[in-house]
């Protein structure tokens, strides 16, 4: 018995929806796997002791510089330049940290 056009349209629409749902499930599974892999990479980089050691060294260096440039150590004629040098040094370290973090993020996502 031949299908009426409306029944055929309903059947075609249902089949099309099933394919769409299957495609969505497949894509969501693929996205889940990619996110899981990225999470693993991120954990690997975050837990990297070398990066943490470098950051600790930079902080230690800044503390040493701050101590050297404290008002007790710096002669009176250089007192005005001390804060600007500390800011300059801190800005440089901050830029290196941001650059390093961007490299890590780029390595994870690309």
C-alpha atoms as a PDB file:
ATOM      1  CA  UNK A   1       0.000   0.000   0.000  1.00  0.00           C
ATOM      2  CA  UNK A   2       1.587   3.304  -1.087  1.00  0.00           C
ATOM      3  CA  UNK A   3       2.220   6.006   1.475  1.00  0.00           C
ATOM      4  CA  UNK A   4       0.309   9.229   1.289  1.00  0.00           C
ATOM      5  CA  UNK A   5       2.447  12.344   0.796  1.00  0.00           C
ATOM      6  CA  UNK A   6       1.861  13.601   4.347  1.00  0.00           C
ATOM      7  CA  UNK A   7       2.832  10.210   5.809  1.00  0.00           C
ATOM      8  CA  UNK A   8       5.913  10.152   3.599  1.00  0.00           C
ATOM      9  CA  UNK A   9       6.858  13.655   4.767  1.00  0.00           C
ATOM     10  CA  UNK A  10       6.445  12.660   8.427  1.00  0.00           C
ATOM     11  CA  UNK A  11       8.577   9.559   7.900  1.00  0.00           C
ATOM     12  CA  UNK A  12      11.269  11.526   6.057  1.00  0.00           C
ATOM     13  CA  UNK A  13      11.236  14.201   8.754  1.00  0.00           C
ATOM     14  CA  UNK A  14      11.572  11.577  11.508  1.00  0.00           C
ATOM     15  CA  UNK A  15      14.470   9.870   9.739  1.00  0.00           C
ATOM     16  CA  UNK A  16      16.151  13.240   9.213  1.00  0.00           C
ATOM     17  CA  UNK A  17      15.775  14.062  12.926  1.00  0.00           C
ATOM     18  CA  UNK A  18      17.249  10.691  13.873  1.00  0.00           C
ATOM     19  CA  UNK A  19      20.290  11.367  11.680  1.00  0.00           C
ATOM     20  CA  UNK A  20      20.612  14.839  13.219  1.00  0.00           C
ATOM     21  CA  UNK A  21      20.463  13.402  16.740  1.00  0.00           C
ATOM     22  CA  UNK A  22      23.038  10.758  15.827  1.00  0.00           C
ATOM     23  CA  UNK A  23      25.303  13.454  14.368  1.00  0.00           C
ATOM     24  CA  UNK A  24      24.925  15.604  17.484  1.00  0.00           C
ATOM     25  CA  UNK A  25      25.722  12.657  19.739  1.00  0.00           C
ATOM     26  CA  UNK A  26      28.769  11.812  17.649  1.00  0.00           C
ATOM     27  CA  UNK A  27      30.005  15.419  17.662  1.00  0.00           C
ATOM     28  CA  UNK A  28      29.407  15.818  21.395  1.00  0.00           C
ATOM     29  CA  UNK A  29      31.369  12.607  22.007  1.00  0.00           C
ATOM     30  CA  UNK A  30      34.215  13.936  19.887  1.00  0.00           C
ATOM     31  CA  UNK A  31      34.162  17.276  21.718  1.00  0.00           C
ATOM     32  CA  UNK A  32      34.163  15.467  25.066  1.00  0.00           C
ATOM     33  CA  UNK A  33      37.276  13.512  24.067  1.00  0.00           C
ATOM     34  CA  UNK A  34      39.030  16.690  22.911  1.00  0.00           C
ATOM     35  CA  UNK A  35      38.179  18.481  26.157  1.00  0.00           C
ATOM     36  CA  UNK A  36      39.392  15.517  28.203  1.00  0.00           C
ATOM     37  CA  UNK A  37      42.688  15.521  26.282  1.00  0.00           C
ATOM     38  CA  UNK A  38      43.067  19.284  26.781  1.00  0.00           C
ATOM     39  CA  UNK A  39      42.376  18.861  30.488  1.00  0.00           C
ATOM     40  CA  UNK A  40      45.112  16.246  30.711  1.00  0.00           C
ATOM     41  CA  UNK A  41      47.554  18.521  28.898  1.00  0.00           C
ATOM     42  CA  UNK A  42      46.614  21.436  31.134  1.00  0.00           C
ATOM     43  CA  UNK A  43      47.147  19.355  34.278  1.00  0.00           C
ATOM     44  CA  UNK A  44      50.502  18.264  32.903  1.00  0.00           C
ATOM     45  CA  UNK A  45      51.613  21.857  32.287  1.00  0.00           C
ATOM     46  CA  UNK A  46      50.201  23.231  35.520  1.00  0.00           C
ATOM     47  CA  UNK A  47      51.942  20.516  37.481  1.00  0.00           C
ATOM     48  CA  UNK A  48      55.211  21.084  35.707  1.00  0.00           C
ATOM     49  CA  UNK A  49      57.812  21.675  38.374  1.00  0.00           C
ATOM     50  CA  UNK A  50      60.159  23.502  36.019  1.00  0.00           C
ATOM     51  CA  UNK A  51      57.654  26.301  35.430  1.00  0.00           C
ATOM     52  CA  UNK A  52      56.950  26.597  39.133  1.00  0.00           C
ATOM     53  CA  UNK A  53      60.671  26.621  39.887  1.00  0.00           C
ATOM     54  CA  UNK A  54      61.234  29.405  37.350  1.00  0.00           C
ATOM     55  CA  UNK A  55      58.442  31.486  38.852  1.00  0.00           C
ATOM     56  CA  UNK A  56      59.848  30.951  42.347  1.00  0.00           C
ATOM     57  CA  UNK A  57      63.281  32.056  41.126  1.00  0.00           C
ATOM     58  CA  UNK A  58      61.809  35.211  39.581  1.00  0.00           C
ATOM     59  CA  UNK A  59      59.946  36.057  42.781  1.00  0.00           C
ATOM     60  CA  UNK A  60      63.120  35.455  44.808  1.00  0.00           C
ATOM     61  CA  UNK A  61      65.084  37.693  42.437  1.00  0.00           C
ATOM     62  CA  UNK A  62      62.489  40.434  42.806  1.00  0.00           C
ATOM     63  CA  UNK A  63      62.609  40.178  46.589  1.00  0.00           C
ATOM     64  CA  UNK A  64      66.402  40.426  46.483  1.00  0.00           C
ATOM     65  CA  UNK A  65      66.222  43.484  44.219  1.00  0.00           C
ATOM     66  CA  UNK A  66      63.619  45.087  46.462  1.00  0.00           C
ATOM     67  CA  UNK A  67      65.877  44.495  49.457  1.00  0.00           C
ATOM     68  CA  UNK A  68      68.843  46.000  47.631  1.00  0.00           C
ATOM     69  CA  UNK A  69      66.791  49.015  46.639  1.00  0.00           C
ATOM     70  CA  UNK A  70      65.170  49.567  50.006  1.00  0.00           C
ATOM     71  CA  UNK A  71      65.571  53.027  51.505  1.00  0.00           C
ATOM     72  CA  UNK A  72      67.995  51.662  54.089  1.00  0.00           C
ATOM     73  CA  UNK A  73      70.448  50.530  51.417  1.00  0.00           C
ATOM     74  CA  UNK A  74      69.923  53.049  48.585  1.00  0.00           C
ATOM     75  CA  UNK A  75      71.814  56.345  48.928  1.00  0.00           C
ATOM     76  CA  UNK A  76      69.725  59.489  49.330  1.00  0.00           C
ATOM     77  CA  UNK A  77      70.416  60.790  45.824  1.00  0.00           C
ATOM     78  CA  UNK A  78      68.930  57.615  44.261  1.00  0.00           C
ATOM     79  CA  UNK A  79      65.805  57.397  46.458  1.00  0.00           C
ATOM     80  CA  UNK A  80      63.616  59.059  43.814  1.00  0.00           C
ATOM     81  CA  UNK A  81      64.631  56.488  41.203  1.00  0.00           C
ATOM     82  CA  UNK A  82      64.093  53.438  43.420  1.00  0.00           C
ATOM     83  CA  UNK A  83      60.286  53.045  43.004  1.00  0.00           C
ATOM     84  CA  UNK A  84      60.443  53.528  39.232  1.00  0.00           C
ATOM     85  CA  UNK A  85      63.166  50.869  38.925  1.00  0.00           C
ATOM     86  CA  UNK A  86      61.179  48.419  41.077  1.00  0.00           C
ATOM     87  CA  UNK A  87      58.078  49.083  38.946  1.00  0.00           C
ATOM     88  CA  UNK A  88      60.119  48.660  35.762  1.00  0.00           C
ATOM     89  CA  UNK A  89      61.559  45.344  36.975  1.00  0.00           C
ATOM     90  CA  UNK A  90      58.182  44.068  38.197  1.00  0.00           C
ATOM     91  CA  UNK A  91      56.572  45.019  34.877  1.00  0.00           C
ATOM     92  CA  UNK A  92      59.264  43.085  32.981  1.00  0.00           C
ATOM     93  CA  UNK A  93      58.788  39.983  35.119  1.00  0.00           C
ATOM     94  CA  UNK A  94      54.998  40.224  34.797  1.00  0.00           C
ATOM     95  CA  UNK A  95      55.303  40.447  30.997  1.00  0.00           C
ATOM     96  CA  UNK A  96      57.553  37.354  30.924  1.00  0.00           C
ATOM     97  CA  UNK A  97      55.075  35.421  33.077  1.00  0.00           C
ATOM     98  CA  UNK A  98      52.160  36.432  30.827  1.00  0.00           C
ATOM     99  CA  UNK A  99      54.151  35.522  27.712  1.00  0.00           C
ATOM    100  CA  UNK A 100      55.084  32.134  29.203  1.00  0.00           C
ATOM    101  CA  UNK A 101      51.437  31.460  30.139  1.00  0.00           C
ATOM    102  CA  UNK A 102      50.307  32.375  26.618  1.00  0.00           C
ATOM    103  CA  UNK A 103      52.849  29.949  25.148  1.00  0.00           C
ATOM    104  CA  UNK A 104      51.562  27.184  27.435  1.00  0.00           C
ATOM    105  CA  UNK A 105      47.941  27.923  26.491  1.00  0.00           C
ATOM    106  CA  UNK A 106      48.809  28.021  22.782  1.00  0.00           C
ATOM    107  CA  UNK A 107      50.594  24.669  23.082  1.00  0.00           C
ATOM    108  CA  UNK A 108      47.525  23.169  24.742  1.00  0.00           C
ATOM    109  CA  UNK A 109      44.911  24.444  22.311  1.00  0.00           C
ATOM    110  CA  UNK A 110      46.793  24.319  18.996  1.00  0.00           C
END
